[in-house]
Amino acid sequence: MAAYSGWTLSELKREKVKIDRAIERIEARDMKTALAKVRQVAKQQGFELDELIGDMATKRRGPGRPAGVKNKAAGKKRGKVPPKYRNPANKSETWTGRGRQPVWVREHIAAGGKMDEVAI
């Protein structure tokens, strides 16, 4: 970085633009090469790349959502939920049933207990 210490801000910005353009050209070239290789492999297997990608794009991912569909609740704050479970050993410890199970819930289940036993 010492080589740039004598440069002005405008010189650095111009150099950054040149570097960004060079990166874009190299990435585009590498992507084109990779795409050609993938097409070749698909063809060797008896498929067209569009055929494979079309099948992959329509497959469902996750719990019943097609690829590319975002969670409806993303970005929205959820309201406070009343607790559903209470620790029998310490009545001040409760759990709503959302998120990770607290240690006392895991210990209760490990000891052979049922969630119905600690339900409020």
PDB file of N, CA and C in Angstrom:
ATOM      1  N   MET A   1       0.829  -1.191   0.000  1.00  0.00           N
ATOM      2  CA  MET A   1       0.000   0.000   0.000  1.00  0.00           C
ATOM      3  C   MET A   1       0.871   1.251   0.000  1.00  0.00           C
ATOM      4  N   ALA A   2       2.094   1.120   0.393  1.00  0.00           N
ATOM      5  CA  ALA A   2       2.991   2.269   0.454  1.00  0.00           C
ATOM      6  C   ALA A   2       3.161   2.925  -0.910  1.00  0.00           C
ATOM      7  N   ALA A   3       3.042   2.182  -1.989  1.00  0.00           N
ATOM      8  CA  ALA A   3       3.197   2.731  -3.331  1.00  0.00           C
ATOM      9  C   ALA A   3       2.126   3.774  -3.633  1.00  0.00           C
ATOM     10  N   TYR A   4       0.989   3.693  -2.984  1.00  0.00           N
ATOM     11  CA  TYR A   4      -0.115   4.622  -3.240  1.00  0.00           C
ATOM     12  C   TYR A   4      -0.089   5.834  -2.314  1.00  0.00           C
ATOM     13  N   SER A   5       0.806   5.863  -1.369  1.00  0.00           N
ATOM     14  CA  SER A   5       0.790   6.934  -0.370  1.00  0.00           C
ATOM     15  C   SER A   5       1.027   8.319  -0.972  1.00  0.00           C
ATOM     16  N   GLY A   6       1.713   8.407  -2.096  1.00  0.00           N
ATOM     17  CA  GLY A   6       1.961   9.699  -2.722  1.00  0.00           C
ATOM     18  C   GLY A   6       0.898  10.114  -3.725  1.00  0.00           C
ATOM     19  N   TRP A   7      -0.094   9.278  -3.961  1.00  0.00           N
ATOM     20  CA  TRP A   7      -1.131   9.554  -4.960  1.00  0.00           C
ATOM     21  C   TRP A   7      -2.188  10.484  -4.382  1.00  0.00           C
ATOM     22  N   THR A   8      -2.784  11.273  -5.257  1.00  0.00           N
ATOM     23  CA  THR A   8      -3.902  12.116  -4.829  1.00  0.00           C
ATOM     24  C   THR A   8      -5.175  11.273  -4.848  1.00  0.00           C
ATOM     25  N   LEU A   9      -6.201  11.806  -4.228  1.00  0.00           N
ATOM     26  CA  LEU A   9      -7.474  11.094  -4.183  1.00  0.00           C
ATOM     27  C   LEU A   9      -8.029  10.883  -5.585  1.00  0.00           C
ATOM     28  N   SER A  10      -7.950  11.892  -6.425  1.00  0.00           N
ATOM     29  CA  SER A  10      -8.494  11.745  -7.785  1.00  0.00           C
ATOM     30  C   SER A  10      -7.705  10.707  -8.585  1.00  0.00           C
ATOM     31  N   GLU A  11      -6.395  10.646  -8.384  1.00  0.00           N
ATOM     32  CA  GLU A  11      -5.589   9.623  -9.069  1.00  0.00           C
ATOM     33  C   GLU A  11      -5.987   8.225  -8.605  1.00  0.00           C
ATOM     34  N   LEU A  12      -6.188   8.081  -7.301  1.00  0.00           N
ATOM     35  CA  LEU A  12      -6.600   6.783  -6.756  1.00  0.00           C
ATOM     36  C   LEU A  12      -7.958   6.370  -7.304  1.00  0.00           C
ATOM     37  N   LYS A  13      -8.893   7.318  -7.388  1.00  0.00           N
ATOM     38  CA  LYS A  13     -10.228   7.003  -7.903  1.00  0.00           C
ATOM     39  C   LYS A  13     -10.172   6.589  -9.367  1.00  0.00           C
ATOM     40  N   ARG A  14      -9.344   7.281 -10.167  1.00  0.00           N
ATOM     41  CA  ARG A  14      -9.198   6.896 -11.579  1.00  0.00           C
ATOM     42  C   ARG A  14      -8.616   5.490 -11.692  1.00  0.00           C
ATOM     43  N   GLU A  15      -7.636   5.208 -10.868  1.00  0.00           N
ATOM     44  CA  GLU A  15      -7.023   3.873 -10.888  1.00  0.00           C
ATOM     45  C   GLU A  15      -8.036   2.811 -10.464  1.00  0.00           C
ATOM     46  N   LYS A  16      -8.865   3.151  -9.476  1.00  0.00           N
ATOM     47  CA  LYS A  16      -9.898   2.214  -9.013  1.00  0.00           C
ATOM     48  C   LYS A  16     -10.873   1.903 -10.139  1.00  0.00           C
ATOM     49  N   VAL A  17     -11.265   2.907 -10.907  1.00  0.00           N
ATOM     50  CA  VAL A  17     -12.175   2.693 -12.037  1.00  0.00           C
ATOM     51  C   VAL A  17     -11.540   1.739 -13.038  1.00  0.00           C
ATOM     52  N   LYS A  18     -10.249   1.941 -13.330  1.00  0.00           N
ATOM     53  CA  LYS A  18      -9.540   1.054 -14.265  1.00  0.00           C
ATOM     54  C   LYS A  18      -9.511  -0.379 -13.733  1.00  0.00           C
ATOM     55  N   ILE A  19      -9.227  -0.515 -12.446  1.00  0.00           N
ATOM     56  CA  ILE A  19      -9.159  -1.847 -11.833  1.00  0.00           C
ATOM     57  C   ILE A  19     -10.530  -2.511 -11.852  1.00  0.00           C
ATOM     58  N   ASP A  20     -11.582  -1.761 -11.513  1.00  0.00           N
ATOM     59  CA  ASP A  20     -12.943  -2.319 -11.531  1.00  0.00           C
ATOM     60  C   ASP A  20     -13.315  -2.804 -12.926  1.00  0.00           C
ATOM     61  N   ARG A  21     -12.957  -2.030 -13.951  1.00  0.00           N
ATOM     62  CA  ARG A  21     -13.252  -2.448 -15.328  1.00  0.00           C
ATOM     63  C   ARG A  21     -12.486  -3.710 -15.689  1.00  0.00           C
ATOM     64  N   ALA A  22     -11.218  -3.776 -15.277  1.00  0.00           N
ATOM     65  CA  ALA A  22     -10.411  -4.964 -15.559  1.00  0.00           C
ATOM     66  C   ALA A  22     -11.006  -6.192 -14.869  1.00  0.00           C
ATOM     67  N   ILE A  23     -11.451  -6.014 -13.645  1.00  0.00           N
ATOM     68  CA  ILE A  23     -12.078  -7.120 -12.908  1.00  0.00           C
ATOM     69  C   ILE A  23     -13.338  -7.581 -13.627  1.00  0.00           C
ATOM     70  N   GLU A  24     -14.171  -6.646 -14.069  1.00  0.00           N
ATOM     71  CA  GLU A  24     -15.405  -7.004 -14.782  1.00  0.00           C
ATOM     72  C   GLU A  24     -15.102  -7.772 -16.064  1.00  0.00           C
ATOM     73  N   ARG A  25     -14.080  -7.326 -16.820  1.00  0.00           N
ATOM     74  CA  ARG A  25     -13.720  -8.022 -18.062  1.00  0.00           C
ATOM     75  C   ARG A  25     -13.252  -9.444 -17.777  1.00  0.00           C
ATOM     76  N   ILE A  26     -12.403  -9.597 -16.768  1.00  0.00           N
ATOM     77  CA  ILE A  26     -11.875 -10.924 -16.441  1.00  0.00           C
ATOM     78  C   ILE A  26     -12.986 -11.826 -15.923  1.00  0.00           C
ATOM     79  N   GLU A  27     -13.878 -11.295 -15.074  1.00  0.00           N
ATOM     80  CA  GLU A  27     -15.006 -12.095 -14.584  1.00  0.00           C
ATOM     81  C   GLU A  27     -15.900 -12.530 -15.733  1.00  0.00           C
ATOM     82  N   ALA A  28     -16.183 -11.621 -16.662  1.00  0.00           N
ATOM     83  CA  ALA A  28     -17.035 -11.958 -17.807  1.00  0.00           C
ATOM     84  C   ALA A  28     -16.380 -13.046 -18.649  1.00  0.00           C
ATOM     85  N   ARG A  29     -15.078 -12.913 -18.884  1.00  0.00           N
ATOM     86  CA  ARG A  29     -14.352 -13.924 -19.655  1.00  0.00           C
ATOM     87  C   ARG A  29     -14.389 -15.279 -18.947  1.00  0.00           C
ATOM     88  N   ASP A  30     -14.132 -15.274 -17.632  1.00  0.00           N
ATOM     89  CA  ASP A  30     -14.128 -16.524 -16.868  1.00  0.00           C
ATOM     90  C   ASP A  30     -15.514 -17.161 -16.832  1.00  0.00           C
ATOM     91  N   MET A  31     -16.551 -16.330 -16.720  1.00  0.00           N
ATOM     92  CA  MET A  31     -17.917 -16.863 -16.718  1.00  0.00           C
ATOM     93  C   MET A  31     -18.251 -17.482 -18.066  1.00  0.00           C
ATOM     94  N   LYS A  32     -17.819 -16.836 -19.142  1.00  0.00           N
ATOM     95  CA  LYS A  32     -18.070 -17.356 -20.481  1.00  0.00           C
ATOM     96  C   LYS A  32     -17.370 -18.702 -20.659  1.00  0.00           C
ATOM     97  N   THR A  33     -16.136 -18.800 -20.179  1.00  0.00           N
ATOM     98  CA  THR A  33     -15.385 -20.052 -20.258  1.00  0.00           C
ATOM     99  C   THR A  33     -16.068 -21.141 -19.435  1.00  0.00           C
ATOM    100  N   ALA A  34     -16.482 -20.797 -18.225  1.00  0.00           N
ATOM    101  CA  ALA A  34     -17.149 -21.772 -17.360  1.00  0.00           C
ATOM    102  C   ALA A  34     -18.459 -22.237 -17.981  1.00  0.00           C
ATOM    103  N   LEU A  35     -19.213 -21.311 -18.555  1.00  0.00           N
ATOM    104  CA  LEU A  35     -20.481 -21.660 -19.190  1.00  0.00           C
ATOM    105  C   LEU A  35     -20.257 -22.615 -20.352  1.00  0.00           C
ATOM    106  N   ALA A  36     -19.221 -22.367 -21.137  1.00  0.00           N
ATOM    107  CA  ALA A  36     -18.911 -23.256 -22.261  1.00  0.00           C
ATOM    108  C   ALA A  36     -18.575 -24.655 -21.759  1.00  0.00           C
ATOM    109  N   LYS A  37     -17.828 -24.733 -20.660  1.00  0.00           N
ATOM    110  CA  LYS A  37     -17.473 -26.040 -20.091  1.00  0.00           C
ATOM    111  C   LYS A  37     -18.719 -26.767 -19.587  1.00  0.00           C
ATOM    112  N   VAL A  38     -19.606 -26.034 -18.931  1.00  0.00           N
ATOM    113  CA  VAL A  38     -20.831 -26.641 -18.404  1.00  0.00           C
ATOM    114  C   VAL A  38     -21.710 -27.127 -19.551  1.00  0.00           C
ATOM    115  N   ARG A  39     -21.826 -26.327 -20.604  1.00  0.00           N
ATOM    116  CA  ARG A  39     -22.597 -26.748 -21.781  1.00  0.00           C
ATOM    117  C   ARG A  39     -22.019 -28.030 -22.374  1.00  0.00           C
ATOM    118  N   GLN A  40     -20.692 -28.099 -22.433  1.00  0.00           N
ATOM    119  CA  GLN A  40     -20.029 -29.272 -22.991  1.00  0.00           C
ATOM    120  C   GLN A  40     -20.325 -30.517 -22.149  1.00  0.00           C
ATOM    121  N   VAL A  41     -20.244 -30.395 -20.838  1.00  0.00           N
ATOM    122  CA  VAL A  41     -20.538 -31.529 -19.956  1.00  0.00           C
ATOM    123  C   VAL A  41     -21.996 -31.945 -20.104  1.00  0.00           C
ATOM    124  N   ALA A  42     -22.903 -30.984 -20.157  1.00  0.00           N
ATOM    125  CA  ALA A  42     -24.325 -31.300 -20.326  1.00  0.00           C
ATOM    126  C   ALA A  42     -24.544 -32.041 -21.634  1.00  0.00           C
ATOM    127  N   LYS A  43     -23.892 -31.578 -22.687  1.00  0.00           N
ATOM    128  CA  LYS A  43     -24.044 -32.207 -23.999  1.00  0.00           C
ATOM    129  C   LYS A  43     -23.500 -33.634 -23.979  1.00  0.00           C
ATOM    130  N   GLN A  44     -22.383 -33.852 -23.282  1.00  0.00           N
ATOM    131  CA  GLN A  44     -21.805 -35.193 -23.166  1.00  0.00           C
ATOM    132  C   GLN A  44     -22.763 -36.144 -22.451  1.00  0.00           C
ATOM    133  N   GLN A  45     -23.577 -35.599 -21.574  1.00  0.00           N
ATOM    134  CA  GLN A  45     -24.542 -36.408 -20.836  1.00  0.00           C
ATOM    135  C   GLN A  45     -25.872 -36.521 -21.571  1.00  0.00           C
ATOM    136  N   GLY A  46     -25.973 -35.882 -22.725  1.00  0.00           N
ATOM    137  CA  GLY A  46     -27.179 -35.987 -23.532  1.00  0.00           C
ATOM    138  C   GLY A  46     -28.238 -34.944 -23.227  1.00  0.00           C
ATOM    139  N   PHE A  47     -27.842 -33.837 -22.625  1.00  0.00           N
ATOM    140  CA  PHE A  47     -28.787 -32.783 -22.269  1.00  0.00           C
ATOM    141  C   PHE A  47     -28.363 -31.463 -22.895  1.00  0.00           C
ATOM    142  N   GLU A  48     -29.329 -30.572 -22.999  1.00  0.00           N
ATOM    143  CA  GLU A  48     -29.037 -29.181 -23.321  1.00  0.00           C
ATOM    144  C   GLU A  48     -29.012 -28.435 -21.993  1.00  0.00           C
ATOM    145  N   LEU A  49     -28.154 -27.455 -21.868  1.00  0.00           N
ATOM    146  CA  LEU A  49     -28.027 -26.718 -20.615  1.00  0.00           C
ATOM    147  C   LEU A  49     -29.343 -26.061 -20.212  1.00  0.00           C
ATOM    148  N   ASP A  50     -30.051 -25.480 -21.175  1.00  0.00           N
ATOM    149  CA  ASP A  50     -31.336 -24.840 -20.877  1.00  0.00           C
ATOM    150  C   ASP A  50     -32.319 -25.837 -20.285  1.00  0.00           C
ATOM    151  N   GLU A  51     -32.255 -27.054 -20.761  1.00  0.00           N
ATOM    152  CA  GLU A  51     -33.126 -28.121 -20.269  1.00  0.00           C
ATOM    153  C   GLU A  51     -32.836 -28.388 -18.791  1.00  0.00           C
ATOM    154  N   LEU A  52     -31.559 -28.476 -18.446  1.00  0.00           N
ATOM    155  CA  LEU A  52     -31.174 -28.740 -17.058  1.00  0.00           C
ATOM    156  C   LEU A  52     -31.505 -27.562 -16.151  1.00  0.00           C
ATOM    157  N   ILE A  53     -31.202 -26.378 -16.590  1.00  0.00           N
ATOM    158  CA  ILE A  53     -31.451 -25.197 -15.763  1.00  0.00           C
ATOM    159  C   ILE A  53     -32.945 -24.983 -15.573  1.00  0.00           C
ATOM    160  N   GLY A  54     -33.730 -25.223 -16.601  1.00  0.00           N
ATOM    161  CA  GLY A  54     -35.183 -25.084 -16.480  1.00  0.00           C
ATOM    162  C   GLY A  54     -35.743 -26.028 -15.443  1.00  0.00           C
ATOM    163  N   ASP A  55     -35.253 -27.271 -15.417  1.00  0.00           N
ATOM    164  CA  ASP A  55     -35.700 -28.234 -14.417  1.00  0.00           C
ATOM    165  C   ASP A  55     -35.295 -27.791 -13.021  1.00  0.00           C
ATOM    166  N   MET A  56     -34.089 -27.283 -12.879  1.00  0.00           N
ATOM    167  CA  MET A  56     -33.609 -26.869 -11.561  1.00  0.00           C
ATOM    168  C   MET A  56     -34.366 -25.650 -11.057  1.00  0.00           C
ATOM    169  N   ALA A  57     -34.716 -24.750 -11.936  1.00  0.00           N
ATOM    170  CA  ALA A  57     -35.391 -23.519 -11.525  1.00  0.00           C
ATOM    171  C   ALA A  57     -36.797 -23.780 -11.013  1.00  0.00           C
ATOM    172  N   THR A  58     -37.441 -24.848 -11.483  1.00  0.00           N
ATOM    173  CA  THR A  58     -38.808 -25.114 -11.049  1.00  0.00           C
ATOM    174  C   THR A  58     -38.876 -26.054  -9.862  1.00  0.00           C
ATOM    175  N   LYS A  59     -37.749 -26.661  -9.478  1.00  0.00           N
ATOM    176  CA  LYS A  59     -37.765 -27.552  -8.315  1.00  0.00           C
ATOM    177  C   LYS A  59     -37.980 -26.739  -7.058  1.00  0.00           C
ATOM    178  N   ARG A  60     -38.671 -27.326  -6.117  1.00  0.00           N
ATOM    179  CA  ARG A  60     -38.938 -26.638  -4.856  1.00  0.00           C
ATOM    180  C   ARG A  60     -37.744 -26.789  -3.929  1.00  0.00           C
ATOM    181  N   ARG A  61     -37.496 -25.720  -3.180  1.00  0.00           N
ATOM    182  CA  ARG A  61     -36.424 -25.749  -2.203  1.00  0.00           C
ATOM    183  C   ARG A  61     -36.996 -25.347  -0.866  1.00  0.00           C
ATOM    184  N   GLY A  62     -36.487 -25.948   0.164  1.00  0.00           N
ATOM    185  CA  GLY A  62     -36.944 -25.593   1.495  1.00  0.00           C
ATOM    186  C   GLY A  62     -38.343 -26.115   1.745  1.00  0.00           C
ATOM    187  N   PRO A  63     -38.990 -25.595   2.758  1.00  0.00           N
ATOM    188  CA  PRO A  63     -40.309 -26.095   3.130  1.00  0.00           C
ATOM    189  C   PRO A  63     -41.409 -25.590   2.202  1.00  0.00           C
ATOM    190  N   GLY A  64     -41.524 -26.208   1.030  1.00  0.00           N
ATOM    191  CA  GLY A  64     -42.641 -25.926   0.141  1.00  0.00           C
ATOM    192  C   GLY A  64     -42.560 -24.644  -0.642  1.00  0.00           C
ATOM    193  N   ARG A  65     -41.359 -24.080  -0.785  1.00  0.00           N
ATOM    194  CA  ARG A  65     -41.233 -22.855  -1.567  1.00  0.00           C
ATOM    195  C   ARG A  65     -40.424 -23.130  -2.816  1.00  0.00           C
ATOM    196  N   PRO A  66     -40.862 -22.603  -3.958  1.00  0.00           N
ATOM    197  CA  PRO A  66     -40.041 -22.728  -5.157  1.00  0.00           C
ATOM    198  C   PRO A  66     -38.785 -21.881  -5.024  1.00  0.00           C
ATOM    199  N   ALA A  67     -37.783 -22.198  -5.811  1.00  0.00           N
ATOM    200  CA  ALA A  67     -36.531 -21.455  -5.767  1.00  0.00           C
ATOM    201  C   ALA A  67     -36.785 -19.982  -6.047  1.00  0.00           C
ATOM    202  N   GLY A  68     -36.132 -19.125  -5.294  1.00  0.00           N
ATOM    203  CA  GLY A  68     -36.240 -17.693  -5.528  1.00  0.00           C
ATOM    204  C   GLY A  68     -37.377 -17.009  -4.796  1.00  0.00           C
ATOM    205  N   VAL A  69     -38.257 -17.751  -4.135  1.00  0.00           N
ATOM    206  CA  VAL A  69     -39.372 -17.140  -3.415  1.00  0.00           C
ATOM    207  C   VAL A  69     -38.916 -16.862  -1.992  1.00  0.00           C
ATOM    208  N   LYS A  70     -39.038 -15.618  -1.585  1.00  0.00           N
ATOM    209  CA  LYS A  70     -38.571 -15.233  -0.261  1.00  0.00           C
ATOM    210  C   LYS A  70     -39.647 -15.474   0.786  1.00  0.00           C
ATOM    211  N   ASN A  71     -39.210 -15.559   2.008  1.00  0.00           N
ATOM    212  CA  ASN A  71     -40.100 -15.737   3.137  1.00  0.00           C
ATOM    213  C   ASN A  71     -41.008 -14.513   3.251  1.00  0.00           C
ATOM    214  N   LYS A  72     -42.292 -14.731   3.404  1.00  0.00           N
ATOM    215  CA  LYS A  72     -43.251 -13.627   3.480  1.00  0.00           C
ATOM    216  C   LYS A  72     -42.975 -12.729   4.678  1.00  0.00           C
ATOM    217  N   ALA A  73     -42.506 -13.298   5.775  1.00  0.00           N
ATOM    218  CA  ALA A  73     -42.313 -12.532   6.996  1.00  0.00           C
ATOM    219  C   ALA A  73     -40.989 -11.777   7.009  1.00  0.00           C
ATOM    220  N   ALA A  74     -40.175 -11.932   5.986  1.00  0.00           N
ATOM    221  CA  ALA A  74     -38.877 -11.273   5.969  1.00  0.00           C
ATOM    222  C   ALA A  74     -39.056  -9.763   6.052  1.00  0.00           C
ATOM    223  N   GLY A  75     -38.339  -9.159   6.976  1.00  0.00           N
ATOM    224  CA  GLY A  75     -38.392  -7.717   7.110  1.00  0.00           C
ATOM    225  C   GLY A  75     -39.503  -7.226   8.013  1.00  0.00           C
ATOM    226  N   LYS A  76     -40.459  -8.053   8.339  1.00  0.00           N
ATOM    227  CA  LYS A  76     -41.560  -7.634   9.203  1.00  0.00           C
ATOM    228  C   LYS A  76     -41.256  -8.057  10.633  1.00  0.00           C
ATOM    229  N   LYS A  77     -41.561  -7.170  11.561  1.00  0.00           N
ATOM    230  CA  LYS A  77     -41.405  -7.531  12.962  1.00  0.00           C
ATOM    231  C   LYS A  77     -42.632  -8.287  13.418  1.00  0.00           C
ATOM    232  N   ARG A  78     -42.374  -9.347  14.138  1.00  0.00           N
ATOM    233  CA  ARG A  78     -43.494 -10.112  14.674  1.00  0.00           C
ATOM    234  C   ARG A  78     -43.752  -9.629  16.092  1.00  0.00           C
ATOM    235  N   GLY A  79     -45.006  -9.653  16.466  1.00  0.00           N
ATOM    236  CA  GLY A  79     -45.385  -9.184  17.784  1.00  0.00           C
ATOM    237  C   GLY A  79     -44.939 -10.133  18.877  1.00  0.00           C
ATOM    238  N   LYS A  80     -45.008  -9.642  20.095  1.00  0.00           N
ATOM    239  CA  LYS A  80     -44.631 -10.454  21.237  1.00  0.00           C
ATOM    240  C   LYS A  80     -45.667 -11.557  21.425  1.00  0.00           C
ATOM    241  N   VAL A  81     -45.182 -12.759  21.711  1.00  0.00           N
ATOM    242  CA  VAL A  81     -46.044 -13.926  21.852  1.00  0.00           C
ATOM    243  C   VAL A  81     -46.051 -14.349  23.317  1.00  0.00           C
ATOM    244  N   PRO A  82     -47.213 -14.693  23.844  1.00  0.00           N
ATOM    245  CA  PRO A  82     -47.247 -15.144  25.238  1.00  0.00           C
ATOM    246  C   PRO A  82     -46.555 -16.499  25.380  1.00  0.00           C
ATOM    247  N   PRO A  83     -45.972 -16.766  26.542  1.00  0.00           N
ATOM    248  CA  PRO A  83     -45.287 -18.046  26.739  1.00  0.00           C
ATOM    249  C   PRO A  83     -46.263 -19.218  26.705  1.00  0.00           C
ATOM    250  N   LYS A  84     -45.786 -20.348  26.203  1.00  0.00           N
ATOM    251  CA  LYS A  84     -46.602 -21.558  26.131  1.00  0.00           C
ATOM    252  C   LYS A  84     -46.130 -22.623  27.116  1.00  0.00           C
ATOM    253  N   TYR A  85     -44.882 -22.468  27.586  1.00  0.00           N
ATOM    254  CA  TYR A  85     -44.301 -23.477  28.467  1.00  0.00           C
ATOM    255  C   TYR A  85     -43.645 -22.796  29.664  1.00  0.00           C
ATOM    256  N   ARG A  86     -43.719 -23.472  30.833  1.00  0.00           N
ATOM    257  CA  ARG A  86     -43.123 -22.939  32.059  1.00  0.00           C
ATOM    258  C   ARG A  86     -42.282 -24.029  32.712  1.00  0.00           C
ATOM    259  N   ASN A  87     -41.121 -23.636  33.209  1.00  0.00           N
ATOM    260  CA  ASN A  87     -40.218 -24.556  33.885  1.00  0.00           C
ATOM    261  C   ASN A  87     -40.830 -24.932  35.227  1.00  0.00           C
ATOM    262  N   PRO A  88     -41.097 -26.214  35.464  1.00  0.00           N
ATOM    263  CA  PRO A  88     -41.703 -26.604  36.742  1.00  0.00           C
ATOM    264  C   PRO A  88     -40.777 -26.371  37.939  1.00  0.00           C
ATOM    265  N   ALA A  89     -39.462 -26.389  37.707  1.00  0.00           N
ATOM    266  CA  ALA A  89     -38.512 -26.186  38.799  1.00  0.00           C
ATOM    267  C   ALA A  89     -38.314 -24.704  39.114  1.00  0.00           C
ATOM    268  N   ASN A  90     -38.545 -23.838  38.144  1.00  0.00           N
ATOM    269  CA  ASN A  90     -38.369 -22.403  38.338  1.00  0.00           C
ATOM    270  C   ASN A  90     -39.476 -21.701  37.559  1.00  0.00           C
ATOM    271  N   LYS A  91     -40.526 -21.305  38.249  1.00  0.00           N
ATOM    272  CA  LYS A  91     -41.725 -20.754  37.605  1.00  0.00           C
ATOM    273  C   LYS A  91     -41.454 -19.460  36.829  1.00  0.00           C
ATOM    274  N   SER A  92     -40.325 -18.793  37.098  1.00  0.00           N
ATOM    275  CA  SER A  92     -40.034 -17.547  36.382  1.00  0.00           C
ATOM    276  C   SER A  92     -39.482 -17.804  34.977  1.00  0.00           C
ATOM    277  N   GLU A  93     -39.062 -19.039  34.697  1.00  0.00           N
ATOM    278  CA  GLU A  93     -38.536 -19.371  33.374  1.00  0.00           C
ATOM    279  C   GLU A  93     -39.660 -19.883  32.484  1.00  0.00           C
ATOM    280  N   THR A  94     -39.870 -19.173  31.376  1.00  0.00           N
ATOM    281  CA  THR A  94     -40.907 -19.571  30.421  1.00  0.00           C
ATOM    282  C   THR A  94     -40.304 -19.606  29.025  1.00  0.00           C
ATOM    283  N   TRP A  95     -41.062 -20.205  28.099  1.00  0.00           N
ATOM    284  CA  TRP A  95     -40.634 -20.278  26.703  1.00  0.00           C
ATOM    285  C   TRP A  95     -41.870 -20.180  25.824  1.00  0.00           C
ATOM    286  N   THR A  96     -41.771 -19.417  24.743  1.00  0.00           N
ATOM    287  CA  THR A  96     -42.904 -19.224  23.831  1.00  0.00           C
ATOM    288  C   THR A  96     -43.085 -20.382  22.864  1.00  0.00           C
ATOM    289  N   GLY A  97     -42.070 -21.217  22.731  1.00  0.00           N
ATOM    290  CA  GLY A  97     -42.124 -22.296  21.755  1.00  0.00           C
ATOM    291  C   GLY A  97     -41.455 -21.902  20.452  1.00  0.00           C
ATOM    292  N   ARG A  98     -40.976 -20.674  20.379  1.00  0.00           N
ATOM    293  CA  ARG A  98     -40.274 -20.195  19.190  1.00  0.00           C
ATOM    294  C   ARG A  98     -38.774 -20.152  19.456  1.00  0.00           C
ATOM    295  N   GLY A  99     -38.014 -20.348  18.401  1.00  0.00           N
ATOM    296  CA  GLY A  99     -36.562 -20.265  18.529  1.00  0.00           C
ATOM    297  C   GLY A  99     -35.989 -21.516  19.171  1.00  0.00           C
ATOM    298  N   ARG A 100     -34.746 -21.396  19.604  1.00  0.00           N
ATOM    299  CA  ARG A 100     -34.066 -22.543  20.210  1.00  0.00           C
ATOM    300  C   ARG A 100     -34.709 -22.896  21.543  1.00  0.00           C
ATOM    301  N   GLN A 101     -34.694 -24.182  21.830  1.00  0.00           N
ATOM    302  CA  GLN A 101     -35.240 -24.630  23.109  1.00  0.00           C
ATOM    303  C   GLN A 101     -34.288 -24.230  24.232  1.00  0.00           C
ATOM    304  N   PRO A 102     -34.824 -23.700  25.324  1.00  0.00           N
ATOM    305  CA  PRO A 102     -33.963 -23.389  26.466  1.00  0.00           C
ATOM    306  C   PRO A 102     -33.393 -24.675  27.065  1.00  0.00           C
ATOM    307  N   VAL A 103     -32.351 -24.516  27.855  1.00  0.00           N
ATOM    308  CA  VAL A 103     -31.689 -25.669  28.470  1.00  0.00           C
ATOM    309  C   VAL A 103     -32.680 -26.479  29.295  1.00  0.00           C
ATOM    310  N   TRP A 104     -33.535 -25.807  30.060  1.00  0.00           N
ATOM    311  CA  TRP A 104     -34.459 -26.546  30.928  1.00  0.00           C
ATOM    312  C   TRP A 104     -35.421 -27.401  30.114  1.00  0.00           C
ATOM    313  N   VAL A 105     -35.808 -26.962  28.911  1.00  0.00           N
ATOM    314  CA  VAL A 105     -36.693 -27.765  28.054  1.00  0.00           C
ATOM    315  C   VAL A 105     -35.936 -28.984  27.554  1.00  0.00           C
ATOM    316  N   ARG A 106     -34.701 -28.775  27.090  1.00  0.00           N
ATOM    317  CA  ARG A 106     -33.900 -29.905  26.597  1.00  0.00           C
ATOM    318  C   ARG A 106     -33.660 -30.926  27.703  1.00  0.00           C
ATOM    319  N   GLU A 107     -33.368 -30.438  28.912  1.00  0.00           N
ATOM    320  CA  GLU A 107     -33.136 -31.349  30.039  1.00  0.00           C
ATOM    321  C   GLU A 107     -34.407 -32.110  30.393  1.00  0.00           C
ATOM    322  N   HIS A 108     -35.543 -31.437  30.347  1.00  0.00           N
ATOM    323  CA  HIS A 108     -36.830 -32.073  30.656  1.00  0.00           C
ATOM    324  C   HIS A 108     -37.115 -33.202  29.659  1.00  0.00           C
ATOM    325  N   ILE A 109     -36.896 -32.931  28.374  1.00  0.00           N
ATOM    326  CA  ILE A 109     -37.138 -33.945  27.338  1.00  0.00           C
ATOM    327  C   ILE A 109     -36.138 -35.085  27.471  1.00  0.00           C
ATOM    328  N   ALA A 110     -34.869 -34.761  27.762  1.00  0.00           N
ATOM    329  CA  ALA A 110     -33.837 -35.790  27.907  1.00  0.00           C
ATOM    330  C   ALA A 110     -34.140 -36.711  29.081  1.00  0.00           C
ATOM    331  N   ALA A 111     -34.804 -36.179  30.105  1.00  0.00           N
ATOM    332  CA  ALA A 111     -35.155 -36.979  31.278  1.00  0.00           C
ATOM    333  C   ALA A 111     -36.415 -37.802  31.046  1.00  0.00           C
ATOM    334  N   GLY A 112     -36.950 -37.752  29.828  1.00  0.00           N
ATOM    335  CA  GLY A 112     -38.134 -38.544  29.511  1.00  0.00           C
ATOM    336  C   GLY A 112     -39.436 -37.783  29.655  1.00  0.00           C
ATOM    337  N   GLY A 113     -39.353 -36.498  29.941  1.00  0.00           N
ATOM    338  CA  GLY A 113     -40.557 -35.694  30.095  1.00  0.00           C
ATOM    339  C   GLY A 113     -41.191 -35.342  28.758  1.00  0.00           C
ATOM    340  N   LYS A 114     -42.445 -34.931  28.820  1.00  0.00           N
ATOM    341  CA  LYS A 114     -43.185 -34.546  27.617  1.00  0.00           C
ATOM    342  C   LYS A 114     -43.479 -33.054  27.679  1.00  0.00           C
ATOM    343  N   MET A 115     -43.605 -32.449  26.507  1.00  0.00           N
ATOM    344  CA  MET A 115     -43.878 -31.014  26.437  1.00  0.00           C
ATOM    345  C   MET A 115     -45.241 -30.684  27.041  1.00  0.00           C
ATOM    346  N   ASP A 116     -46.183 -31.600  26.940  1.00  0.00           N
ATOM    347  CA  ASP A 116     -47.509 -31.369  27.523  1.00  0.00           C
ATOM    348  C   ASP A 116     -47.423 -31.150  29.031  1.00  0.00           C
ATOM    349  N   GLU A 117     -46.428 -31.761  29.667  1.00  0.00           N
ATOM    350  CA  GLU A 117     -46.281 -31.654  31.115  1.00  0.00           C
ATOM    351  C   GLU A 117     -45.869 -30.251  31.553  1.00  0.00           C
ATOM    352  N   VAL A 118     -45.202 -29.497  30.678  1.00  0.00           N
ATOM    353  CA  VAL A 118     -44.742 -28.158  31.044  1.00  0.00           C
ATOM    354  C   VAL A 118     -45.542 -27.063  30.334  1.00  0.00           C
ATOM    355  N   ALA A 119     -46.571 -27.456  29.598  1.00  0.00           N
ATOM    356  CA  ALA A 119     -47.406 -26.471  28.902  1.00  0.00           C
ATOM    357  C   ALA A 119     -48.184 -25.648  29.913  1.00  0.00           C
ATOM    358  N   ILE A 120     -48.365 -24.377  29.603  1.00  0.00           N
ATOM    359  CA  ILE A 120     -49.109 -23.483  30.506  1.00  0.00           C
ATOM    360  C   ILE A 120     -50.594 -23.641  30.244  1.00  0.00           C
TER     361      ILE A 120
END
